[in-house]
Amino acid sequence: MKHEAYIKVDILESEIEAQLLDSVLNERSIPHHIQSYHDTAYNGLFQTQKGWGHVSCPGSWSDEIKAILSEIRSTGA
């Protein structure tokens, strides 16, 4: 089986959004990685500038993850 390179899909706005997205993606068995921008040396300074973190996945899954994230955001979660 060929392994696709992971690409950055979108910036996550909060830890709650990240946890909810992670839960949905795990439930649907969609490969992904969520990376927080928190850095203890700077006490989370970059999270206020860049967003909470980002989600990445194999390129073939990016459209589906964007759609799920859009749905999460539209429900106000």
N, C-alpha and C. Protein backbone atom coordinates (compact mmCIF):
# COMPACT_ATOMS: atom_id res chain seq x y z
N MET A 1 0.84 -1.18 0.00
CA MET A 1 0.00 0.00 0.00
C MET A 1 0.88 1.24 0.00
N LYS A 2 0.58 2.17 -0.85
CA LYS A 2 1.34 3.41 -0.95
C LYS A 2 0.93 4.37 0.17
N HIS A 3 1.91 5.00 0.81
CA HIS A 3 1.63 5.96 1.86
C HIS A 3 1.73 7.37 1.28
N GLU A 4 0.70 8.15 1.48
CA GLU A 4 0.70 9.54 1.01
C GLU A 4 1.37 10.43 2.03
N ALA A 5 1.98 11.48 1.54
CA ALA A 5 2.56 12.48 2.43
C ALA A 5 1.44 13.26 3.10
N TYR A 6 1.64 13.61 4.36
CA TYR A 6 0.66 14.42 5.08
C TYR A 6 0.83 15.88 4.68
N ILE A 7 -0.30 16.55 4.49
CA ILE A 7 -0.29 17.98 4.16
C ILE A 7 -1.09 18.73 5.21
N LYS A 8 -0.75 19.98 5.39
CA LYS A 8 -1.48 20.84 6.33
C LYS A 8 -2.82 21.19 5.70
N VAL A 9 -3.91 20.94 6.42
CA VAL A 9 -5.25 21.14 5.89
C VAL A 9 -5.84 22.48 6.31
N ASP A 10 -5.78 22.78 7.61
CA ASP A 10 -6.39 24.01 8.11
C ASP A 10 -5.86 24.34 9.50
N ILE A 11 -6.01 25.61 9.86
CA ILE A 11 -5.66 26.09 11.20
C ILE A 11 -6.84 25.84 12.12
N LEU A 12 -6.57 25.35 13.32
CA LEU A 12 -7.61 25.12 14.31
C LEU A 12 -7.67 26.30 15.26
N GLU A 13 -8.88 26.68 15.64
CA GLU A 13 -9.08 27.90 16.42
C GLU A 13 -8.98 27.70 17.92
N SER A 14 -9.25 26.49 18.41
CA SER A 14 -9.24 26.27 19.86
C SER A 14 -9.00 24.79 20.17
N GLU A 15 -8.71 24.53 21.43
CA GLU A 15 -8.51 23.16 21.87
C GLU A 15 -9.82 22.37 21.76
N ILE A 16 -10.94 23.02 22.04
CA ILE A 16 -12.25 22.36 21.94
C ILE A 16 -12.51 21.93 20.50
N GLU A 17 -12.26 22.84 19.55
CA GLU A 17 -12.44 22.51 18.14
C GLU A 17 -11.53 21.34 17.75
N ALA A 18 -10.30 21.36 18.22
CA ALA A 18 -9.34 20.30 17.92
C ALA A 18 -9.83 18.96 18.47
N GLN A 19 -10.32 18.95 19.70
CA GLN A 19 -10.78 17.71 20.32
C GLN A 19 -12.01 17.16 19.60
N LEU A 20 -12.93 18.05 19.23
CA LEU A 20 -14.13 17.62 18.53
C LEU A 20 -13.78 17.05 17.16
N LEU A 21 -12.92 17.74 16.42
CA LEU A 21 -12.49 17.25 15.11
C LEU A 21 -11.78 15.91 15.24
N ASP A 22 -10.90 15.79 16.21
CA ASP A 22 -10.17 14.54 16.43
C ASP A 22 -11.15 13.39 16.70
N SER A 23 -12.16 13.65 17.50
CA SER A 23 -13.16 12.64 17.83
C SER A 23 -13.92 12.17 16.57
N VAL A 24 -14.36 13.13 15.76
CA VAL A 24 -15.11 12.80 14.54
C VAL A 24 -14.22 12.03 13.56
N LEU A 25 -12.99 12.48 13.38
CA LEU A 25 -12.08 11.82 12.43
C LEU A 25 -11.72 10.40 12.90
N ASN A 26 -11.52 10.23 14.20
CA ASN A 26 -11.24 8.89 14.72
C ASN A 26 -12.45 7.97 14.53
N GLU A 27 -13.65 8.51 14.78
CA GLU A 27 -14.88 7.73 14.62
C GLU A 27 -15.04 7.25 13.18
N ARG A 28 -14.63 8.07 12.22
CA ARG A 28 -14.76 7.74 10.80
C ARG A 28 -13.51 7.07 10.23
N SER A 29 -12.53 6.79 11.09
CA SER A 29 -11.27 6.15 10.69
C SER A 29 -10.55 6.93 9.59
N ILE A 30 -10.54 8.25 9.72
CA ILE A 30 -9.86 9.11 8.76
C ILE A 30 -8.46 9.41 9.31
N PRO A 31 -7.42 9.09 8.57
CA PRO A 31 -6.06 9.34 9.05
C PRO A 31 -5.80 10.84 9.17
N HIS A 32 -5.20 11.24 10.29
CA HIS A 32 -4.95 12.66 10.52
C HIS A 32 -3.92 12.83 11.64
N HIS A 33 -3.44 14.06 11.76
CA HIS A 33 -2.55 14.44 12.85
C HIS A 33 -2.91 15.86 13.25
N ILE A 34 -3.11 16.07 14.55
CA ILE A 34 -3.41 17.41 15.06
C ILE A 34 -2.20 17.88 15.83
N GLN A 35 -1.70 19.05 15.47
CA GLN A 35 -0.50 19.63 16.08
C GLN A 35 -0.85 20.95 16.77
N SER A 36 -0.58 21.04 18.05
CA SER A 36 -0.78 22.28 18.79
C SER A 36 0.42 23.20 18.57
N TYR A 37 0.16 24.51 18.55
CA TYR A 37 1.24 25.48 18.45
C TYR A 37 1.74 25.93 19.83
N HIS A 38 1.22 25.33 20.89
CA HIS A 38 1.62 25.74 22.23
C HIS A 38 3.10 25.44 22.46
N ASP A 39 3.79 26.39 22.99
CA ASP A 39 5.20 26.25 23.32
C ASP A 39 5.38 26.73 24.75
N THR A 40 5.76 25.83 25.64
CA THR A 40 5.88 26.19 27.04
C THR A 40 6.93 27.27 27.28
N ALA A 41 7.94 27.33 26.45
CA ALA A 41 8.99 28.35 26.61
C ALA A 41 8.42 29.76 26.41
N TYR A 42 7.39 29.87 25.58
CA TYR A 42 6.80 31.18 25.31
C TYR A 42 5.38 31.28 25.87
N ASN A 43 5.00 30.32 26.73
CA ASN A 43 3.70 30.32 27.41
C ASN A 43 2.53 30.50 26.44
N GLY A 44 2.56 29.82 25.31
CA GLY A 44 1.45 29.86 24.37
C GLY A 44 1.34 31.11 23.53
N LEU A 45 2.38 31.94 23.51
CA LEU A 45 2.35 33.20 22.77
C LEU A 45 1.97 33.00 21.30
N PHE A 46 2.51 31.96 20.67
CA PHE A 46 2.24 31.75 19.25
C PHE A 46 0.80 31.33 18.98
N GLN A 47 0.12 30.76 19.98
CA GLN A 47 -1.27 30.37 19.77
C GLN A 47 -2.15 31.61 19.60
N THR A 48 -1.82 32.71 20.23
CA THR A 48 -2.63 33.91 20.06
C THR A 48 -2.38 34.55 18.70
N GLN A 49 -1.23 34.29 18.11
CA GLN A 49 -0.89 34.88 16.81
C GLN A 49 -1.23 33.98 15.63
N LYS A 50 -1.04 32.68 15.78
CA LYS A 50 -1.17 31.75 14.66
C LYS A 50 -2.40 30.87 14.72
N GLY A 51 -3.14 30.86 15.81
CA GLY A 51 -4.23 29.92 16.00
C GLY A 51 -3.79 28.84 16.98
N TRP A 52 -4.72 28.00 17.39
CA TRP A 52 -4.41 26.98 18.40
C TRP A 52 -3.42 25.95 17.87
N GLY A 53 -3.58 25.57 16.60
CA GLY A 53 -2.74 24.55 16.00
C GLY A 53 -3.25 24.25 14.61
N HIS A 54 -2.90 23.09 14.07
CA HIS A 54 -3.40 22.74 12.74
C HIS A 54 -3.66 21.25 12.64
N VAL A 55 -4.43 20.90 11.62
CA VAL A 55 -4.70 19.50 11.32
C VAL A 55 -4.04 19.18 9.97
N SER A 56 -3.42 18.03 9.90
CA SER A 56 -2.83 17.57 8.64
C SER A 56 -3.31 16.15 8.36
N CYS A 57 -3.22 15.76 7.10
CA CYS A 57 -3.69 14.44 6.69
C CYS A 57 -3.08 14.09 5.34
N PRO A 58 -3.25 12.82 4.91
CA PRO A 58 -2.86 12.49 3.54
C PRO A 58 -3.71 13.35 2.59
N GLY A 59 -3.11 13.81 1.52
CA GLY A 59 -3.77 14.74 0.61
C GLY A 59 -5.14 14.30 0.13
N SER A 60 -5.35 13.01 -0.07
CA SER A 60 -6.62 12.53 -0.59
C SER A 60 -7.78 12.71 0.39
N TRP A 61 -7.48 12.99 1.66
CA TRP A 61 -8.52 13.18 2.67
C TRP A 61 -8.79 14.65 2.98
N SER A 62 -8.04 15.56 2.40
CA SER A 62 -8.13 16.97 2.80
C SER A 62 -9.51 17.58 2.57
N ASP A 63 -10.14 17.29 1.44
CA ASP A 63 -11.47 17.87 1.16
C ASP A 63 -12.50 17.39 2.18
N GLU A 64 -12.43 16.11 2.53
CA GLU A 64 -13.38 15.57 3.51
C GLU A 64 -13.17 16.20 4.88
N ILE A 65 -11.92 16.39 5.29
CA ILE A 65 -11.64 17.00 6.58
C ILE A 65 -12.08 18.46 6.58
N LYS A 66 -11.85 19.17 5.49
CA LYS A 66 -12.31 20.57 5.40
C LYS A 66 -13.82 20.65 5.53
N ALA A 67 -14.55 19.72 4.91
CA ALA A 67 -16.01 19.71 5.01
C ALA A 67 -16.47 19.44 6.43
N ILE A 68 -15.82 18.50 7.11
CA ILE A 68 -16.17 18.17 8.50
C ILE A 68 -15.89 19.37 9.39
N LEU A 69 -14.74 20.02 9.21
CA LEU A 69 -14.38 21.18 10.01
C LEU A 69 -15.35 22.33 9.77
N SER A 70 -15.75 22.51 8.54
CA SER A 70 -16.73 23.55 8.21
C SER A 70 -18.06 23.28 8.92
N GLU A 71 -18.46 22.03 8.94
CA GLU A 71 -19.71 21.65 9.62
C GLU A 71 -19.61 21.90 11.12
N ILE A 72 -18.47 21.55 11.71
CA ILE A 72 -18.25 21.79 13.14
C ILE A 72 -18.35 23.28 13.44
N ARG A 73 -17.72 24.09 12.62
CA ARG A 73 -17.73 25.54 12.83
C ARG A 73 -19.11 26.14 12.63
N SER A 74 -19.88 25.62 11.69
CA SER A 74 -21.21 26.17 11.43
C SER A 74 -22.21 25.85 12.53
N THR A 75 -21.94 24.80 13.30
CA THR A 75 -22.84 24.46 14.41
C THR A 75 -22.46 25.20 15.69
N GLY A 76 -21.37 25.96 15.61
CA GLY A 76 -20.94 26.74 16.79
C GLY A 76 -20.29 25.93 17.87
N ALA A 77 -19.80 24.75 17.54
CA ALA A 77 -19.15 23.89 18.52
C ALA A 77 -17.79 24.43 18.91
